[in-house]
N, C-alpha and C. Protein backbone atom coordinates (compact mmCIF):
# COMPACT_ATOMS: atom_id res chain seq x y z
N UNK A 1 19.07 6.38 -13.10
CA UNK A 1 17.93 7.28 -13.18
C UNK A 1 16.79 6.71 -12.36
N UNK A 2 16.10 7.60 -11.70
CA UNK A 2 14.99 7.21 -10.84
C UNK A 2 13.69 7.80 -11.34
N UNK A 3 12.61 7.20 -10.89
CA UNK A 3 11.29 7.67 -11.28
C UNK A 3 10.79 8.77 -10.36
N UNK A 4 10.18 9.78 -10.93
CA UNK A 4 9.61 10.89 -10.17
C UNK A 4 8.24 11.22 -10.74
N UNK A 5 7.40 11.80 -9.89
CA UNK A 5 6.16 12.40 -10.34
C UNK A 5 6.22 13.86 -9.97
N UNK A 6 5.91 14.70 -10.93
CA UNK A 6 5.91 16.14 -10.73
C UNK A 6 4.49 16.64 -10.93
N UNK A 7 3.91 17.19 -9.88
CA UNK A 7 2.59 17.80 -9.96
C UNK A 7 2.78 19.30 -9.81
N UNK A 8 2.26 20.05 -10.77
CA UNK A 8 2.31 21.49 -10.62
C UNK A 8 0.96 22.10 -10.95
N UNK A 9 0.70 23.24 -10.32
CA UNK A 9 -0.58 23.93 -10.46
C UNK A 9 -0.31 25.29 -11.10
N UNK A 10 -1.01 25.53 -12.20
CA UNK A 10 -0.87 26.80 -12.91
C UNK A 10 -2.02 27.73 -12.55
N UNK A 11 -1.79 29.01 -12.76
CA UNK A 11 -2.83 30.00 -12.48
C UNK A 11 -4.06 29.73 -13.34
N UNK A 12 -5.25 29.84 -12.77
CA UNK A 12 -6.46 29.59 -13.55
C UNK A 12 -6.81 30.75 -14.48
N UNK A 13 -6.19 31.92 -14.26
CA UNK A 13 -6.50 33.08 -15.09
C UNK A 13 -5.85 33.02 -16.46
N UNK A 14 -4.90 32.09 -16.66
CA UNK A 14 -4.27 31.95 -17.97
C UNK A 14 -5.29 31.38 -18.96
N UNK A 15 -5.30 31.94 -20.17
CA UNK A 15 -6.20 31.38 -21.18
C UNK A 15 -5.63 30.05 -21.67
N UNK A 16 -6.37 29.36 -22.51
CA UNK A 16 -6.00 28.02 -22.95
C UNK A 16 -4.64 28.00 -23.66
N UNK A 17 -4.41 28.98 -24.53
CA UNK A 17 -3.14 29.03 -25.26
C UNK A 17 -1.97 29.30 -24.32
N UNK A 18 -2.15 30.21 -23.38
CA UNK A 18 -1.07 30.52 -22.44
C UNK A 18 -0.78 29.32 -21.54
N UNK A 19 -1.82 28.58 -21.17
CA UNK A 19 -1.63 27.39 -20.35
C UNK A 19 -0.83 26.34 -21.12
N UNK A 20 -1.21 26.09 -22.37
CA UNK A 20 -0.48 25.12 -23.19
C UNK A 20 0.96 25.57 -23.43
N UNK A 21 1.15 26.87 -23.61
CA UNK A 21 2.50 27.40 -23.82
C UNK A 21 3.36 27.21 -22.57
N UNK A 22 2.78 27.44 -21.39
CA UNK A 22 3.54 27.26 -20.15
C UNK A 22 3.89 25.79 -19.93
N UNK A 23 2.93 24.90 -20.19
CA UNK A 23 3.21 23.47 -20.07
C UNK A 23 4.30 23.05 -21.05
N UNK A 24 4.22 23.54 -22.29
CA UNK A 24 5.24 23.25 -23.30
C UNK A 24 6.61 23.79 -22.90
N UNK A 25 6.63 24.99 -22.33
CA UNK A 25 7.89 25.60 -21.88
C UNK A 25 8.51 24.75 -20.76
N UNK A 26 7.70 24.30 -19.83
CA UNK A 26 8.21 23.48 -18.72
C UNK A 26 8.72 22.14 -19.25
N UNK A 27 7.97 21.50 -20.15
CA UNK A 27 8.41 20.22 -20.71
C UNK A 27 9.68 20.36 -21.53
N UNK A 28 9.80 21.46 -22.26
CA UNK A 28 11.02 21.70 -23.04
C UNK A 28 12.22 21.85 -22.12
N UNK A 29 12.06 22.58 -21.03
CA UNK A 29 13.15 22.73 -20.08
C UNK A 29 13.51 21.38 -19.46
N UNK A 30 12.49 20.57 -19.15
CA UNK A 30 12.73 19.24 -18.58
C UNK A 30 13.57 18.40 -19.53
N UNK A 31 13.20 18.39 -20.80
CA UNK A 31 13.92 17.59 -21.78
C UNK A 31 15.34 18.11 -22.01
N UNK A 32 15.53 19.43 -21.95
CA UNK A 32 16.87 20.01 -22.12
C UNK A 32 17.80 19.65 -20.98
N UNK A 33 17.24 19.30 -19.82
CA UNK A 33 18.04 18.90 -18.67
C UNK A 33 18.49 17.44 -18.76
N UNK A 34 18.02 16.73 -19.77
CA UNK A 34 18.37 15.32 -19.91
C UNK A 34 17.42 14.41 -19.16
N UNK A 35 16.26 14.91 -18.83
CA UNK A 35 15.26 14.15 -18.10
C UNK A 35 14.30 13.54 -19.11
N UNK A 36 13.91 12.28 -18.89
CA UNK A 36 12.96 11.61 -19.77
C UNK A 36 11.55 11.82 -19.24
N UNK A 37 10.66 12.31 -20.09
CA UNK A 37 9.26 12.48 -19.72
C UNK A 37 8.50 11.24 -20.18
N UNK A 38 8.01 10.47 -19.23
CA UNK A 38 7.26 9.25 -19.57
C UNK A 38 5.82 9.55 -19.91
N UNK A 39 5.31 10.64 -19.41
CA UNK A 39 3.93 11.01 -19.71
C UNK A 39 3.52 12.26 -18.96
N UNK A 40 2.58 12.98 -19.54
CA UNK A 40 2.04 14.19 -18.91
C UNK A 40 0.53 14.14 -19.00
N UNK A 41 -0.13 14.35 -17.88
CA UNK A 41 -1.58 14.38 -17.82
C UNK A 41 -2.02 15.75 -17.35
N UNK A 42 -2.78 16.44 -18.18
CA UNK A 42 -3.36 17.72 -17.77
C UNK A 42 -4.72 17.42 -17.16
N UNK A 43 -4.86 17.65 -15.87
CA UNK A 43 -6.10 17.35 -15.17
C UNK A 43 -7.15 18.45 -15.35
N UNK A 44 -6.70 19.60 -15.74
CA UNK A 44 -7.63 20.71 -15.95
C UNK A 44 -7.85 21.53 -14.69
N UNK A 45 -8.84 22.45 -14.77
CA UNK A 45 -9.13 23.32 -13.63
C UNK A 45 -9.86 22.55 -12.55
N UNK A 46 -9.38 22.77 -11.32
CA UNK A 46 -9.99 22.15 -10.15
C UNK A 46 -9.93 23.13 -8.99
N UNK A 47 -10.80 22.91 -8.02
CA UNK A 47 -10.84 23.75 -6.82
C UNK A 47 -9.63 23.42 -5.96
N UNK A 48 -8.95 24.43 -5.44
CA UNK A 48 -7.82 24.24 -4.54
C UNK A 48 -8.32 23.90 -3.14
N UNK A 49 -7.52 23.23 -2.37
CA UNK A 49 -7.87 22.89 -1.00
C UNK A 49 -7.91 24.14 -0.13
N UNK A 50 -7.09 25.12 -0.47
CA UNK A 50 -7.05 26.39 0.25
C UNK A 50 -6.63 27.47 -0.74
N UNK A 51 -6.87 28.70 -0.39
CA UNK A 51 -6.51 29.82 -1.27
C UNK A 51 -5.00 29.93 -1.42
N UNK A 52 -4.57 30.18 -2.63
CA UNK A 52 -3.17 30.49 -2.90
C UNK A 52 -3.18 31.89 -3.51
N UNK A 53 -2.72 32.85 -2.73
CA UNK A 53 -2.81 34.24 -3.18
C UNK A 53 -4.27 34.62 -3.26
N UNK A 54 -4.69 35.05 -4.44
CA UNK A 54 -6.10 35.40 -4.63
C UNK A 54 -6.87 34.33 -5.40
N UNK A 55 -6.24 33.16 -5.61
CA UNK A 55 -6.84 32.11 -6.43
C UNK A 55 -7.48 31.02 -5.57
N UNK A 56 -8.69 30.61 -5.99
CA UNK A 56 -9.35 29.48 -5.35
C UNK A 56 -9.35 28.25 -6.26
N UNK A 57 -9.03 28.44 -7.53
CA UNK A 57 -8.95 27.36 -8.50
C UNK A 57 -7.53 27.30 -9.05
N UNK A 58 -7.20 26.19 -9.67
CA UNK A 58 -5.90 26.05 -10.30
C UNK A 58 -5.97 25.04 -11.42
N UNK A 59 -5.02 25.09 -12.34
CA UNK A 59 -4.94 24.17 -13.47
C UNK A 59 -3.87 23.14 -13.11
N UNK A 60 -4.29 21.89 -12.87
CA UNK A 60 -3.40 20.84 -12.40
C UNK A 60 -2.77 20.09 -13.57
N UNK A 61 -1.46 19.80 -13.44
CA UNK A 61 -0.73 19.03 -14.44
C UNK A 61 0.16 18.02 -13.70
N UNK A 62 0.12 16.77 -14.14
CA UNK A 62 0.94 15.71 -13.55
C UNK A 62 1.87 15.17 -14.63
N UNK A 63 3.16 15.12 -14.31
CA UNK A 63 4.16 14.57 -15.24
C UNK A 63 4.93 13.45 -14.56
N UNK A 64 5.13 12.35 -15.27
CA UNK A 64 5.95 11.25 -14.79
C UNK A 64 7.31 11.34 -15.47
N UNK A 65 8.37 11.33 -14.66
CA UNK A 65 9.72 11.60 -15.16
C UNK A 65 10.68 10.49 -14.75
N UNK A 66 11.78 10.35 -15.51
CA UNK A 66 12.95 9.54 -15.15
C UNK A 66 14.12 10.51 -15.15
N UNK A 67 14.75 10.69 -13.98
CA UNK A 67 15.78 11.72 -13.87
C UNK A 67 16.79 11.40 -12.78
N UNK A 68 17.88 12.13 -12.80
CA UNK A 68 18.87 12.13 -11.73
C UNK A 68 18.48 13.20 -10.72
N UNK A 69 18.95 13.07 -9.49
CA UNK A 69 18.57 14.00 -8.42
C UNK A 69 19.00 15.43 -8.72
N UNK A 70 20.18 15.61 -9.31
CA UNK A 70 20.66 16.96 -9.61
C UNK A 70 19.76 17.65 -10.64
N UNK A 71 19.23 16.87 -11.58
CA UNK A 71 18.33 17.45 -12.59
C UNK A 71 17.00 17.87 -11.97
N UNK A 72 16.54 17.10 -11.00
CA UNK A 72 15.27 17.42 -10.34
C UNK A 72 15.41 18.70 -9.53
N UNK A 73 16.52 18.87 -8.84
CA UNK A 73 16.70 20.08 -8.04
C UNK A 73 16.77 21.32 -8.95
N UNK A 74 17.39 21.20 -10.12
CA UNK A 74 17.44 22.32 -11.06
C UNK A 74 16.04 22.60 -11.63
N UNK A 75 15.28 21.55 -11.88
CA UNK A 75 13.91 21.72 -12.36
C UNK A 75 13.06 22.45 -11.32
N UNK A 76 13.19 22.06 -10.07
CA UNK A 76 12.43 22.73 -9.00
C UNK A 76 12.83 24.20 -8.88
N UNK A 77 14.11 24.49 -9.01
CA UNK A 77 14.57 25.88 -8.96
C UNK A 77 13.92 26.68 -10.07
N UNK A 78 13.84 26.07 -11.23
CA UNK A 78 13.25 26.76 -12.39
C UNK A 78 11.75 26.98 -12.22
N UNK A 79 11.06 25.99 -11.64
CA UNK A 79 9.62 26.13 -11.41
C UNK A 79 9.30 27.24 -10.40
N UNK A 80 10.19 27.46 -9.43
CA UNK A 80 9.98 28.52 -8.44
C UNK A 80 9.92 29.90 -9.08
N UNK A 81 10.68 30.09 -10.16
CA UNK A 81 10.75 31.42 -10.78
C UNK A 81 9.89 31.55 -12.04
N UNK A 82 9.23 30.46 -12.44
CA UNK A 82 8.40 30.50 -13.64
C UNK A 82 7.08 31.20 -13.33
N UNK A 83 6.78 32.19 -14.13
CA UNK A 83 5.52 32.93 -13.97
C UNK A 83 4.36 32.01 -14.32
N UNK A 84 3.31 32.07 -13.53
CA UNK A 84 2.12 31.26 -13.79
C UNK A 84 2.06 29.97 -12.99
N UNK A 85 3.14 29.57 -12.34
CA UNK A 85 3.15 28.35 -11.52
C UNK A 85 2.84 28.74 -10.08
N UNK A 86 1.70 28.25 -9.57
CA UNK A 86 1.32 28.56 -8.20
C UNK A 86 2.05 27.68 -7.20
N UNK A 87 2.02 26.38 -7.42
CA UNK A 87 2.66 25.41 -6.53
C UNK A 87 3.15 24.23 -7.35
N UNK A 88 4.11 23.49 -6.79
CA UNK A 88 4.57 22.25 -7.41
C UNK A 88 5.04 21.30 -6.33
N UNK A 89 5.04 20.03 -6.66
CA UNK A 89 5.51 19.00 -5.74
C UNK A 89 6.14 17.90 -6.56
N UNK A 90 7.36 17.51 -6.16
CA UNK A 90 8.07 16.42 -6.82
C UNK A 90 8.19 15.27 -5.83
N UNK A 91 7.79 14.07 -6.25
CA UNK A 91 7.83 12.90 -5.38
C UNK A 91 8.65 11.82 -6.08
N UNK A 92 9.57 11.23 -5.34
CA UNK A 92 10.36 10.12 -5.88
C UNK A 92 9.54 8.85 -5.77
N UNK A 93 9.17 8.29 -6.90
CA UNK A 93 8.28 7.14 -6.94
C UNK A 93 9.00 5.88 -6.48
N UNK A 94 10.24 5.69 -6.83
CA UNK A 94 10.99 4.49 -6.46
C UNK A 94 11.00 4.29 -4.96
N UNK A 95 11.17 5.35 -4.21
CA UNK A 95 11.24 5.28 -2.77
C UNK A 95 9.92 4.74 -2.20
N UNK A 96 8.82 5.21 -2.73
CA UNK A 96 7.52 4.74 -2.28
C UNK A 96 7.33 3.25 -2.60
N UNK A 97 7.77 2.82 -3.77
CA UNK A 97 7.66 1.41 -4.13
C UNK A 97 8.53 0.56 -3.23
N UNK A 98 9.73 1.05 -2.88
CA UNK A 98 10.61 0.31 -1.98
C UNK A 98 9.95 0.14 -0.62
N UNK A 99 9.31 1.19 -0.12
CA UNK A 99 8.63 1.11 1.17
C UNK A 99 7.53 0.06 1.12
N UNK A 100 6.72 0.07 0.05
CA UNK A 100 5.64 -0.90 -0.08
C UNK A 100 6.20 -2.32 -0.12
N UNK A 101 7.29 -2.53 -0.86
CA UNK A 101 7.88 -3.86 -0.97
C UNK A 101 8.43 -4.32 0.38
N UNK A 102 9.05 -3.40 1.14
CA UNK A 102 9.56 -3.76 2.46
C UNK A 102 8.42 -4.15 3.40
N UNK A 103 7.30 -3.41 3.35
CA UNK A 103 6.14 -3.74 4.17
C UNK A 103 5.60 -5.12 3.82
N UNK A 104 5.51 -5.41 2.51
CA UNK A 104 5.02 -6.72 2.08
C UNK A 104 5.94 -7.84 2.55
N UNK A 105 7.26 -7.61 2.46
CA UNK A 105 8.23 -8.62 2.88
C UNK A 105 8.13 -8.88 4.38
N UNK A 106 7.98 -7.81 5.19
CA UNK A 106 7.84 -7.98 6.63
C UNK A 106 6.56 -8.75 6.96
N UNK A 107 5.48 -8.43 6.27
CA UNK A 107 4.21 -9.12 6.51
C UNK A 107 4.34 -10.59 6.15
N UNK A 108 4.97 -10.90 5.02
CA UNK A 108 5.16 -12.29 4.61
C UNK A 108 6.03 -13.03 5.61
N UNK A 109 7.06 -12.38 6.15
CA UNK A 109 7.94 -13.02 7.13
C UNK A 109 7.17 -13.31 8.42
N UNK A 110 6.33 -12.38 8.85
CA UNK A 110 5.52 -12.60 10.05
C UNK A 110 4.57 -13.78 9.86
N UNK A 111 3.91 -13.83 8.70
CA UNK A 111 2.97 -14.92 8.43
C UNK A 111 3.70 -16.26 8.34
N UNK A 112 4.89 -16.25 7.75
CA UNK A 112 5.67 -17.48 7.65
C UNK A 112 6.08 -17.97 9.04
N UNK A 113 6.54 -17.05 9.89
CA UNK A 113 6.94 -17.42 11.24
C UNK A 113 5.74 -17.95 12.03
N UNK A 114 4.60 -17.35 11.85
CA UNK A 114 3.37 -17.78 12.52
C UNK A 114 3.02 -19.21 12.08
N UNK A 115 3.15 -19.48 10.78
CA UNK A 115 2.87 -20.82 10.26
C UNK A 115 3.85 -21.85 10.79
N UNK A 116 5.13 -21.48 10.91
CA UNK A 116 6.14 -22.40 11.45
C UNK A 116 5.83 -22.74 12.90
N UNK A 117 5.42 -21.74 13.69
CA UNK A 117 5.09 -22.00 15.09
C UNK A 117 3.90 -22.95 15.18
N UNK A 118 2.92 -22.78 14.30
CA UNK A 118 1.75 -23.67 14.32
C UNK A 118 2.14 -25.10 13.95
N UNK A 119 3.04 -25.26 12.97
CA UNK A 119 3.49 -26.60 12.57
C UNK A 119 4.23 -27.28 13.71
N UNK A 120 5.10 -26.53 14.41
CA UNK A 120 5.85 -27.10 15.53
C UNK A 120 4.90 -27.51 16.65
N UNK A 121 3.91 -26.70 16.93
CA UNK A 121 2.96 -27.01 17.99
C UNK A 121 2.15 -28.25 17.64
N UNK A 122 1.76 -28.40 16.38
CA UNK A 122 0.99 -29.57 15.96
C UNK A 122 1.86 -30.82 16.02
N UNK A 123 3.13 -30.71 15.66
CA UNK A 123 4.03 -31.87 15.68
C UNK A 123 4.36 -32.29 17.10
N UNK A 124 4.40 -31.36 18.02
CA UNK A 124 4.75 -31.67 19.41
C UNK A 124 3.62 -32.40 20.11
N UNK A 125 2.42 -32.29 19.59
CA UNK A 125 1.29 -32.95 20.22
C UNK A 125 0.68 -32.07 21.30
N UNK A 126 -0.29 -32.64 22.04
CA UNK A 126 -0.95 -31.84 23.07
C UNK A 126 -0.03 -31.59 24.25
N UNK A 127 -0.24 -30.51 24.93
CA UNK A 127 0.56 -30.17 26.11
C UNK A 127 0.11 -31.03 27.29
N UNK A 128 1.01 -31.28 28.23
CA UNK A 128 0.69 -32.15 29.37
C UNK A 128 -0.35 -31.51 30.28
N UNK A 129 -0.41 -30.25 30.37
CA UNK A 129 -1.37 -29.57 31.24
C UNK A 129 -2.71 -29.36 30.58
N UNK A 130 -2.87 -29.78 29.35
CA UNK A 130 -4.11 -29.57 28.62
C UNK A 130 -5.11 -30.65 29.02
N UNK A 131 -6.14 -30.28 29.79
CA UNK A 131 -7.10 -31.26 30.30
C UNK A 131 -7.92 -31.89 29.18
N UNK A 132 -8.19 -31.18 28.12
CA UNK A 132 -8.97 -31.71 27.01
C UNK A 132 -8.20 -32.77 26.23
N UNK A 133 -6.87 -32.68 26.24
CA UNK A 133 -6.07 -33.62 25.46
C UNK A 133 -6.03 -35.00 26.14
N UNK A 134 -6.16 -35.08 27.47
CA UNK A 134 -6.04 -36.36 28.16
C UNK A 134 -7.39 -37.04 28.33
N UNK A 135 -8.46 -36.35 28.14
CA UNK A 135 -9.79 -36.93 28.30
C UNK A 135 -10.17 -37.73 27.08
N UNK A 136 -10.93 -38.75 27.32
CA UNK A 136 -11.46 -39.56 26.22
C UNK A 136 -12.63 -38.81 25.59
N UNK A 137 -12.98 -39.12 24.38
CA UNK A 137 -14.14 -38.47 23.77
C UNK A 137 -15.40 -38.74 24.58
N UNK A 138 -16.41 -37.94 24.42
CA UNK A 138 -17.62 -37.99 25.23
C UNK A 138 -18.34 -39.33 25.10
N UNK A 139 -18.42 -39.88 23.92
CA UNK A 139 -19.18 -41.12 23.72
C UNK A 139 -18.59 -42.27 24.52
N UNK A 140 -17.30 -42.36 24.69
CA UNK A 140 -16.67 -43.45 25.45
C UNK A 140 -16.31 -43.01 26.85
N UNK A 141 -16.66 -41.80 27.21
CA UNK A 141 -16.30 -41.26 28.51
C UNK A 141 -17.07 -41.95 29.62
N UNK A 142 -18.33 -42.28 29.40
CA UNK A 142 -19.17 -42.90 30.42
C UNK A 142 -19.56 -44.30 29.97
N UNK A 143 -19.62 -45.19 30.94
CA UNK A 143 -20.06 -46.56 30.63
C UNK A 143 -21.58 -46.56 30.53
N UNK A 144 -22.12 -47.51 29.78
CA UNK A 144 -23.57 -47.58 29.64
C UNK A 144 -24.19 -48.03 30.96
N UNK A 145 -25.36 -47.56 31.29
CA UNK A 145 -25.97 -47.92 32.59
C UNK A 145 -26.27 -49.40 32.68
N UNK A 146 -26.54 -50.07 31.59
CA UNK A 146 -26.86 -51.50 31.61
C UNK A 146 -25.66 -52.34 32.04
N UNK A 147 -24.47 -51.92 31.69
CA UNK A 147 -23.28 -52.72 31.97
C UNK A 147 -22.88 -52.61 33.43
N UNK A 148 -23.32 -51.60 34.15
CA UNK A 148 -22.87 -51.42 35.52
C UNK A 148 -23.77 -52.12 36.55
N UNK A 149 -25.00 -52.42 36.22
CA UNK A 149 -25.90 -53.08 37.18
C UNK A 149 -25.81 -54.60 37.02
N UNK A 150 -25.69 -55.32 38.11
CA UNK A 150 -25.61 -56.77 38.01
C UNK A 150 -26.91 -57.37 37.51
N UNK A 151 -26.79 -58.27 36.59
CA UNK A 151 -27.95 -58.97 36.09
C UNK A 151 -28.67 -58.26 34.98
N UNK A 152 -28.22 -57.02 34.59
CA UNK A 152 -28.91 -56.29 33.54
C UNK A 152 -28.08 -56.16 32.27
N UNK A 153 -26.90 -56.69 32.26
CA UNK A 153 -26.04 -56.57 31.08
C UNK A 153 -26.52 -57.46 29.97
N UNK A 154 -25.92 -57.41 28.80
CA UNK A 154 -26.35 -58.20 27.66
C UNK A 154 -26.17 -59.71 27.89
N UNK A 155 -25.22 -60.11 28.73
CA UNK A 155 -24.98 -61.53 28.95
C UNK A 155 -26.03 -62.17 29.87
N UNK A 156 -26.80 -61.37 30.59
CA UNK A 156 -27.77 -61.91 31.52
C UNK A 156 -29.16 -62.11 30.93
N UNK A 157 -29.32 -61.79 29.69
CA UNK A 157 -30.63 -61.94 29.07
C UNK A 157 -30.95 -63.41 28.87
N UNK A 158 -32.20 -63.73 29.06
CA UNK A 158 -32.62 -65.12 28.87
C UNK A 158 -33.04 -65.29 27.44
N UNK A 159 -32.71 -66.37 26.89
CA UNK A 159 -33.01 -66.62 25.50
C UNK A 159 -34.36 -67.19 25.27
């Protein structure tokens, strides 16, 4: 059994009792098909993104289900002919989670490979063509001016 989310929109013209009866009828059919309902959230009336028929509003309901694919196709067939249902959408949740997990695994593999390349580069030392690697640090790069002139070094001082 796989996880699904079923979102359906009911006509806004239905009164409260008719709306609850339609939701109950749909849930009863779902359970009779051998589908497990994990939860149902009635979102209430909301504005539609676009007109559906003559309606600008709809009553949104979201149900989380555990079902087999054949049961979902029968449920969708039934929703198409149910009076009062404007639209519905069924999404397989497991598939979305698998995609997210694959993306995370690819990202982790890329980061791991990047880290391995950095470790190898650090272990290999500086490259031969790297001019900064062969130069001495700045403080020891130049000799002090006193040491280069005859008679001015520390050994030539009179006591």
